[in-house]
């Protein structure tokens, strides 16, 4: 595979952690969904086979993303974000959006459900990285530099709330604010914006009955263990049953119609029950390694003078870290219930394919930075031979 300036450079750490999360996630999705496939379709392999297709498509799309030069993404960032807003509008049109569990978040494309919010997260990273690269001084010195992109993100958040998808709205705001903070936005302005968004979030929870129930049940799930607290109670039971080494792969019972969405949002609870503390720590360690490596690539890009690529990597790191933290926090009862998947692990076509694209984009950043550093090294060696040779 060739890029615009030389051969493609694979990062071994990023490759290892990505493959590890995909493999562990696939095995656990299969374990968590065999019974569900039999109940829903009469075929126990229904969900594992479809997830294998999702991973295959994800790797294909991720490979396609990895060969696109970063300058192309930088040039088309605004157009992609506007396309994301258009998708958010389309999904709300009756008859076009697919409704699941009371929420209209999906579009059916070629038989595969694509969660529009995942696409918007991906485009948000690209748009914000381009914005702070073009308007660095404005972001650092003027409040308008922060308000301009946040206006667009507020529109996206409003559309997401209409689905409703509160969790994804929080994620894209965190991506935007995180990138602006790393780009040098004034701390005082950042704190004010954070307080404003926090107050708005609390108002949304207070004036929305089902969100308020989620928060109150999170604070004391055992007060109503058969209704509002049922999901969290079952998740906590899963971790309790797992103890140190788990009950064994495939031997968990909570997934058997006790734990709702065991193969999607609550896959981490299945890991806790079947693989125990060892499995939980392993997954947390892999995500920590992924975020660390992502930020290391970002720092290397910044040192190489590739600011757009650096902010792409920073944004992806914020996305991976925040979404995985929220998912695991929800499963362990640290945070109120939110419908966010575990990146690269949970069942879902749209989520898996977009996450693979995000990893492909990160590989592209790393490859271009490695090629630039390799070129700089060759130049230095050539110069040395010219002086003394």
Protein backbone atom coordinates (compact mmCIF):
# COMPACT_ATOMS: atom_id res chain seq x y z
CA UNK A 1 0.00 0.00 0.00
CA UNK A 2 1.39 3.38 -0.98
CA UNK A 3 0.67 6.82 0.35
CA UNK A 4 1.35 10.15 -1.31
CA UNK A 5 4.90 10.44 -0.01
CA UNK A 6 6.16 6.84 0.25
CA UNK A 7 5.39 3.41 1.62
CA UNK A 8 2.74 2.81 4.25
CA UNK A 9 4.03 2.50 7.82
CA UNK A 10 2.09 0.23 10.20
CA UNK A 11 2.21 1.00 13.90
CA UNK A 12 2.69 -2.37 15.69
CA UNK A 13 1.19 -1.22 19.00
CA UNK A 14 -1.91 0.24 17.34
CA UNK A 15 -2.27 -2.89 15.20
CA UNK A 16 -1.98 -5.16 18.26
CA UNK A 17 -4.50 -3.31 20.39
CA UNK A 18 -7.01 -2.94 17.55
CA UNK A 19 -6.91 -6.63 16.63
CA UNK A 20 -7.09 -7.62 20.31
CA UNK A 21 -10.23 -5.55 20.93
CA UNK A 22 -11.86 -6.85 17.74
CA UNK A 23 -11.12 -10.49 18.58
CA UNK A 24 -12.17 -10.31 22.23
CA UNK A 25 -15.26 -8.32 21.27
CA UNK A 26 -16.26 -10.84 18.60
CA UNK A 27 -15.87 -13.83 20.93
CA UNK A 28 -17.92 -12.11 23.64
CA UNK A 29 -20.63 -10.97 21.19
CA UNK A 30 -20.93 -14.59 20.03
CA UNK A 31 -21.20 -15.79 23.62
CA UNK A 32 -23.76 -13.13 24.51
CA UNK A 33 -26.00 -13.62 21.46
CA UNK A 34 -26.29 -17.35 20.69
CA UNK A 35 -29.47 -17.73 22.73
CA UNK A 36 -30.89 -14.50 21.33
CA UNK A 37 -30.36 -15.72 17.77
CA UNK A 38 -32.28 -18.90 18.54
CA UNK A 39 -35.14 -16.92 20.08
CA UNK A 40 -35.38 -14.26 17.37
CA UNK A 41 -34.55 -16.22 14.21
CA UNK A 42 -34.19 -19.89 15.13
CA UNK A 43 -30.48 -19.67 14.24
CA UNK A 44 -27.96 -19.42 17.06
CA UNK A 45 -25.26 -18.19 14.68
CA UNK A 46 -27.36 -15.32 13.33
CA UNK A 47 -25.67 -12.55 15.34
CA UNK A 48 -22.10 -13.95 15.25
CA UNK A 49 -22.25 -14.30 11.46
CA UNK A 50 -23.62 -10.80 11.01
CA UNK A 51 -21.01 -9.37 13.37
CA UNK A 52 -18.30 -11.13 11.35
CA UNK A 53 -19.73 -9.41 8.26
CA UNK A 54 -19.70 -6.08 10.11
CA UNK A 55 -16.03 -6.55 11.03
CA UNK A 56 -15.16 -7.56 7.47
CA UNK A 57 -16.86 -4.48 6.04
CA UNK A 58 -15.27 -2.36 8.75
CA UNK A 59 -11.79 -3.60 7.86
CA UNK A 60 -12.50 -2.97 4.18
CA UNK A 61 -13.70 0.60 4.80
CA UNK A 62 -10.93 1.22 7.32
CA UNK A 63 -8.34 0.13 4.75
CA UNK A 64 -9.91 2.47 2.20
CA UNK A 65 -9.72 5.37 4.68
CA UNK A 66 -6.09 4.60 5.48
CA UNK A 67 -4.96 5.16 1.87
CA UNK A 68 -6.57 8.62 1.59
CA UNK A 69 -3.99 11.41 2.18
CA UNK A 70 -4.63 13.67 5.16
CA UNK A 71 -4.78 16.75 2.92
CA UNK A 72 -7.94 15.32 1.33
CA UNK A 73 -9.66 14.98 4.72
CA UNK A 74 -8.53 18.51 5.68
CA UNK A 75 -9.92 20.00 2.47
CA UNK A 76 -13.30 18.27 2.74
CA UNK A 77 -13.92 18.54 6.49
CA UNK A 78 -16.62 21.26 6.32
CA UNK A 79 -18.48 19.44 3.54
CA UNK A 80 -18.40 16.18 5.48
CA UNK A 81 -19.78 17.83 8.62
CA UNK A 82 -22.63 19.42 6.65
CA UNK A 83 -23.31 16.00 5.13
CA UNK A 84 -23.52 14.65 8.68
CA UNK A 85 -26.09 17.30 9.60
CA UNK A 86 -28.08 16.34 6.51
CA UNK A 87 -28.06 12.69 7.59
CA UNK A 88 -29.37 13.73 11.01
CA UNK A 89 -32.26 15.46 9.28
CA UNK A 90 -32.94 12.53 6.95
CA UNK A 91 -33.09 10.01 9.78
CA UNK A 92 -35.90 12.05 11.39
CA UNK A 93 -38.06 11.96 8.26
CA UNK A 94 -40.92 9.48 8.80
CA UNK A 95 -40.43 6.36 6.74
CA UNK A 96 -36.69 6.84 6.26
CA UNK A 97 -35.34 6.43 9.77
CA UNK A 98 -35.44 2.99 11.43
CA UNK A 99 -37.06 2.96 14.88
CA UNK A 100 -35.60 0.64 17.53
CA UNK A 101 -36.60 0.65 21.21
CA UNK A 102 -38.43 3.97 20.82
CA UNK A 103 -35.51 5.82 19.20
CA UNK A 104 -35.06 6.71 15.53
CA UNK A 105 -31.28 6.60 15.13
CA UNK A 106 -30.63 4.32 12.17
CA UNK A 107 -30.75 4.31 8.38
CA UNK A 108 -30.96 0.99 6.56
CA UNK A 109 -28.38 0.91 3.74
CA UNK A 110 -28.07 -2.32 1.77
CA UNK A 111 -29.58 -4.32 4.60
CA UNK A 112 -27.11 -2.91 7.15
CA UNK A 113 -28.32 -0.52 9.82
CA UNK A 114 -26.07 2.51 10.08
CA UNK A 115 -26.33 4.59 13.24
CA UNK A 116 -26.13 8.15 11.94
CA UNK A 117 -24.71 9.51 15.19
CA UNK A 118 -21.56 7.38 14.71
CA UNK A 119 -21.02 8.91 11.27
CA UNK A 120 -21.49 12.40 12.75
CA UNK A 121 -18.89 11.71 15.46
CA UNK A 122 -16.38 10.72 12.79
CA UNK A 123 -17.08 13.82 10.70
CA UNK A 124 -16.98 16.00 13.84
CA UNK A 125 -13.38 15.02 14.54
CA UNK A 126 -12.33 15.87 10.97
CA UNK A 127 -14.20 19.20 10.93
CA UNK A 128 -12.91 20.39 14.32
CA UNK A 129 -9.33 19.39 13.52
CA UNK A 130 -9.52 21.47 10.34
CA UNK A 131 -11.18 24.40 12.09
CA UNK A 132 -8.60 24.78 14.87
CA UNK A 133 -5.81 24.37 12.30
CA UNK A 134 -7.18 27.18 10.12
CA UNK A 135 -8.22 29.51 12.95
CA UNK A 136 -5.67 28.82 15.66
CA UNK A 137 -5.20 32.46 16.67
CA UNK A 138 -8.96 33.10 16.72
CA UNK A 139 -9.53 30.06 18.95
CA UNK A 140 -6.80 31.15 21.34
CA UNK A 141 -7.64 34.87 21.56
CA UNK A 142 -11.35 35.44 20.89
CA UNK A 143 -14.55 33.99 22.33
CA UNK A 144 -16.08 34.09 18.86
CA UNK A 145 -13.48 31.52 17.80
CA UNK A 146 -15.12 29.05 20.17
CA UNK A 147 -18.75 30.03 19.61
CA UNK A 148 -18.66 29.70 15.82
CA UNK A 149 -18.05 25.92 15.66
CA UNK A 150 -20.08 25.28 18.82
CA UNK A 151 -23.07 26.83 17.06
CA UNK A 152 -22.90 24.10 14.42
CA UNK A 153 -22.35 21.45 17.07
CA UNK A 154 -25.37 22.76 18.98
CA UNK A 155 -27.48 22.23 15.85
CA UNK A 156 -26.15 18.68 15.56
CA UNK A 157 -26.84 18.09 19.26
CA UNK A 158 -30.41 19.37 18.91
CA UNK A 159 -31.03 16.97 16.02
CA UNK A 160 -29.55 14.13 18.06
CA UNK A 161 -31.81 14.97 21.00
CA UNK A 162 -34.81 14.74 18.67
CA UNK A 163 -34.02 11.08 17.92
CA UNK A 164 -33.49 10.97 21.00
CA UNK A 165 -29.78 10.27 21.53
CA UNK A 166 -28.53 12.25 24.52
CA UNK A 167 -25.35 10.17 24.87
CA UNK A 168 -24.09 10.88 21.35
CA UNK A 169 -24.89 14.58 21.74
CA UNK A 170 -22.65 14.67 24.81
CA UNK A 171 -19.89 12.81 22.96
CA UNK A 172 -19.70 15.25 20.02
CA UNK A 173 -19.71 18.25 22.37
CA UNK A 174 -16.88 16.65 24.33
CA UNK A 175 -14.94 16.05 21.09
CA UNK A 176 -15.38 19.69 20.04
CA UNK A 177 -14.48 21.17 23.41
CA UNK A 178 -11.58 18.78 23.94
CA UNK A 179 -9.97 19.66 20.60
CA UNK A 180 -10.44 23.39 21.22
CA UNK A 181 -8.88 23.06 24.67
CA UNK A 182 -5.85 21.24 23.25
CA UNK A 183 -5.64 23.88 20.50
CA UNK A 184 -5.01 26.53 23.16
CA UNK A 185 -8.42 27.97 24.00
CA UNK A 186 -8.32 30.18 27.09
CA UNK A 187 -9.03 28.21 30.25
CA UNK A 188 -11.49 30.83 31.55
CA UNK A 189 -13.56 30.67 28.35
CA UNK A 190 -13.40 26.90 28.38
CA UNK A 191 -14.64 26.72 31.98
CA UNK A 192 -17.56 29.05 31.20
CA UNK A 193 -18.58 26.94 28.22
CA UNK A 194 -18.27 23.76 30.25
CA UNK A 195 -20.50 25.23 32.96
CA UNK A 196 -23.07 26.34 30.37
CA UNK A 197 -23.25 22.92 28.77
CA UNK A 198 -23.40 21.24 32.19
CA UNK A 199 -26.38 23.37 33.20
CA UNK A 200 -28.12 22.67 29.89
CA UNK A 201 -27.52 18.94 30.35
CA UNK A 202 -28.98 19.02 33.86
CA UNK A 203 -32.04 20.91 32.58
CA UNK A 204 -32.53 18.32 29.83
CA UNK A 205 -32.43 15.57 32.43
CA UNK A 206 -34.75 17.40 34.83
CA UNK A 207 -37.43 18.18 32.24
CA UNK A 208 -37.31 14.78 30.55
CA UNK A 209 -39.15 12.13 32.63
CA UNK A 210 -37.36 9.07 31.22
CA UNK A 211 -33.91 10.68 31.66
CA UNK A 212 -34.79 11.71 35.21
CA UNK A 213 -35.87 8.14 35.97
CA UNK A 214 -32.53 6.88 34.66
CA UNK A 215 -30.62 9.23 36.95
CA UNK A 216 -32.70 8.42 40.06
CA UNK A 217 -32.54 4.68 39.38
CA UNK A 218 -28.77 4.97 38.90
CA UNK A 219 -28.45 6.57 42.36
CA UNK A 220 -30.36 3.69 43.98
CA UNK A 221 -31.15 0.86 41.52
CA UNK A 222 -32.21 -1.47 44.33
CA UNK A 223 -35.11 0.84 45.22
CA UNK A 224 -36.98 -0.50 42.16
CA UNK A 225 -35.03 -3.58 41.01
CA UNK A 226 -37.81 -4.96 38.80
CA UNK A 227 -38.55 -1.80 36.81
CA UNK A 228 -36.44 1.36 36.59
CA UNK A 229 -33.39 -0.23 38.24
CA UNK A 230 -33.66 -3.61 36.50
CA UNK A 231 -30.93 -3.12 33.89
CA UNK A 232 -28.32 -1.79 36.30
CA UNK A 233 -29.15 -4.40 38.96
CA UNK A 234 -28.64 -7.21 36.45
CA UNK A 235 -25.37 -5.65 35.30
CA UNK A 236 -24.09 -5.45 38.87
CA UNK A 237 -25.10 -9.05 39.49
CA UNK A 238 -23.04 -10.01 36.43
CA UNK A 239 -19.90 -8.45 37.88
CA UNK A 240 -20.61 -10.01 41.27
CA UNK A 241 -20.94 -13.49 39.79
CA UNK A 242 -17.70 -13.11 37.82
CA UNK A 243 -15.46 -12.65 40.86
CA UNK A 244 -11.74 -13.07 40.01
CA UNK A 245 -11.66 -15.43 37.02
CA UNK A 246 -15.28 -15.50 35.88
CA UNK A 247 -17.74 -18.36 35.53
CA UNK A 248 -16.20 -19.38 32.19
CA UNK A 249 -16.67 -18.38 28.57
CA UNK A 250 -20.22 -19.16 27.50
CA UNK A 251 -21.32 -20.12 31.01
CA UNK A 252 -22.86 -16.81 32.05
CA UNK A 253 -26.56 -16.77 32.93
CA UNK A 254 -27.27 -13.03 33.16
CA UNK A 255 -27.24 -12.75 29.35
CA UNK A 256 -30.05 -15.30 29.20
CA UNK A 257 -32.87 -12.74 29.05
CA UNK A 258 -31.98 -11.16 32.41
CA UNK A 259 -29.54 -8.52 31.15
CA UNK A 260 -31.09 -6.38 28.38
CA UNK A 261 -28.90 -5.53 25.37
CA UNK A 262 -26.22 -7.95 26.54
CA UNK A 263 -24.53 -8.10 23.11
CA UNK A 264 -24.57 -4.33 22.53
CA UNK A 265 -24.57 -1.71 25.29
CA UNK A 266 -23.98 -4.17 28.16
CA UNK A 267 -21.35 -6.43 26.61
CA UNK A 268 -18.88 -5.31 29.27
CA UNK A 269 -21.11 -6.86 31.95
CA UNK A 270 -21.01 -10.19 30.11
CA UNK A 271 -17.20 -9.92 30.09
CA UNK A 272 -17.29 -9.27 33.83
CA UNK A 273 -19.42 -12.36 34.49
CA UNK A 274 -17.70 -14.83 32.18
CA UNK A 275 -14.07 -13.64 32.34
CA UNK A 276 -14.12 -12.05 35.80
CA UNK A 277 -11.82 -9.34 37.09
CA UNK A 278 -9.01 -10.60 34.86
CA UNK A 279 -11.13 -10.04 31.75
CA UNK A 280 -12.34 -6.64 32.94
CA UNK A 281 -8.81 -5.42 33.72
CA UNK A 282 -7.57 -6.76 30.37
CA UNK A 283 -10.21 -4.83 28.41
CA UNK A 284 -9.63 -1.66 30.43
CA UNK A 285 -5.89 -2.06 29.87
CA UNK A 286 -6.38 -2.44 26.10
CA UNK A 287 -8.50 0.70 25.89
CA UNK A 288 -5.97 2.57 28.01
CA UNK A 289 -3.23 1.43 25.64
CA UNK A 290 -5.32 2.54 22.65
CA UNK A 291 -5.87 6.02 24.07
CA UNK A 292 -2.22 6.35 25.11
CA UNK A 293 -1.01 5.30 21.68
CA UNK A 294 -3.46 7.68 19.99
CA UNK A 295 -2.17 10.64 21.99
CA UNK A 296 1.44 9.56 21.38
CA UNK A 297 0.75 9.64 17.63
CA UNK A 298 -0.85 13.08 18.04
CA UNK A 299 2.22 14.43 19.86
CA UNK A 300 4.51 12.97 17.19
CA UNK A 301 2.39 14.62 14.47
CA UNK A 302 2.55 17.98 16.24
CA UNK A 303 6.32 17.73 16.60
CA UNK A 304 6.54 16.95 12.87
CA UNK A 305 4.61 20.14 12.08
CA UNK A 306 1.43 18.31 11.01
CA UNK A 307 -1.12 20.24 13.06
CA UNK A 308 -4.21 18.96 11.28
CA UNK A 309 -3.08 15.35 11.66
CA UNK A 310 -2.23 16.01 15.30
CA UNK A 311 -5.71 17.32 16.10
CA UNK A 312 -7.28 14.42 14.20
CA UNK A 313 -5.42 12.04 16.51
CA UNK A 314 -6.26 14.10 19.60
CA UNK A 315 -9.95 14.08 18.62
CA UNK A 316 -9.96 10.34 18.02
CA UNK A 317 -8.27 9.79 21.37
CA UNK A 318 -10.92 11.87 23.13
CA UNK A 319 -13.66 9.97 21.31
CA UNK A 320 -12.26 6.48 22.07
CA UNK A 321 -11.45 7.34 25.67
CA UNK A 322 -14.68 9.13 26.55
CA UNK A 323 -17.07 6.67 24.87
CA UNK A 324 -15.37 3.60 26.29
CA UNK A 325 -15.27 5.20 29.76
CA UNK A 326 -18.98 6.03 29.61
CA UNK A 327 -19.92 2.54 28.41
CA UNK A 328 -17.86 0.82 31.10
CA UNK A 329 -19.02 3.33 33.72
CA UNK A 330 -22.67 2.63 32.88
CA UNK A 331 -22.09 -1.12 33.08
CA UNK A 332 -20.43 -0.83 36.49
CA UNK A 333 -22.98 1.60 37.91
CA UNK A 334 -20.61 4.56 37.98
CA UNK A 335 -22.69 6.57 35.48
CA UNK A 336 -26.41 6.73 34.58
CA UNK A 337 -27.55 4.46 31.76
CA UNK A 338 -26.65 5.75 28.28
CA UNK A 339 -27.00 3.97 24.94
CA UNK A 340 -23.34 4.09 23.87
CA UNK A 341 -21.55 1.07 22.44
CA UNK A 342 -18.15 -0.21 23.52
CA UNK A 343 -15.84 0.81 20.63
CA UNK A 344 -14.60 -2.05 18.42
CA UNK A 345 -16.37 -4.61 20.62
CA UNK A 346 -20.15 -4.19 20.84
CA UNK A 347 -22.49 -5.70 18.25
CA UNK A 348 -23.63 -3.30 15.55
CA UNK A 349 -22.90 -2.70 11.88
CA UNK A 350 -22.77 1.08 11.81
CA UNK A 351 -20.75 1.41 15.01
CA UNK A 352 -18.24 -1.26 14.02
CA UNK A 353 -17.68 0.10 10.52
CA UNK A 354 -17.25 3.71 11.68
CA UNK A 355 -14.88 2.70 14.48
CA UNK A 356 -12.78 0.75 11.98
CA UNK A 357 -12.73 3.84 9.75
CA UNK A 358 -11.55 5.89 12.72
CA UNK A 359 -8.74 3.42 13.36
CA UNK A 360 -7.88 3.52 9.65
CA UNK A 361 -7.65 7.31 9.84
CA UNK A 362 -5.35 7.02 12.84
CA UNK A 363 -3.14 4.59 10.92
CA UNK A 364 -2.96 7.17 8.13
CA UNK A 365 -1.86 9.89 10.54
CA UNK A 366 0.82 7.64 11.99
CA UNK A 367 2.04 6.52 8.58
CA UNK A 368 2.45 10.05 7.21
CA UNK A 369 4.25 11.19 10.35
CA UNK A 370 6.56 8.16 10.22
CA UNK A 371 7.32 8.87 6.54
CA UNK A 372 8.10 12.52 7.30
CA UNK A 373 10.41 11.52 10.15
CA UNK A 374 12.06 8.89 7.94
CA UNK A 375 12.60 11.52 5.23
CA UNK A 376 14.07 13.93 7.76
CA UNK A 377 16.41 11.20 8.98
CA UNK A 378 17.57 10.43 5.44
CA UNK A 379 18.17 14.13 4.81
CA UNK A 380 20.31 14.42 7.94
CA UNK A 381 22.34 11.35 6.99
CA UNK A 382 22.82 12.63 3.44
CA UNK A 383 23.93 16.01 4.77
CA UNK A 384 26.42 14.37 7.09
CA UNK A 385 27.98 12.36 4.23
CA UNK A 386 28.17 15.58 2.18
CA UNK A 387 30.20 17.33 4.87
CA UNK A 388 32.58 14.54 5.71
CA UNK A 389 32.36 12.13 2.75
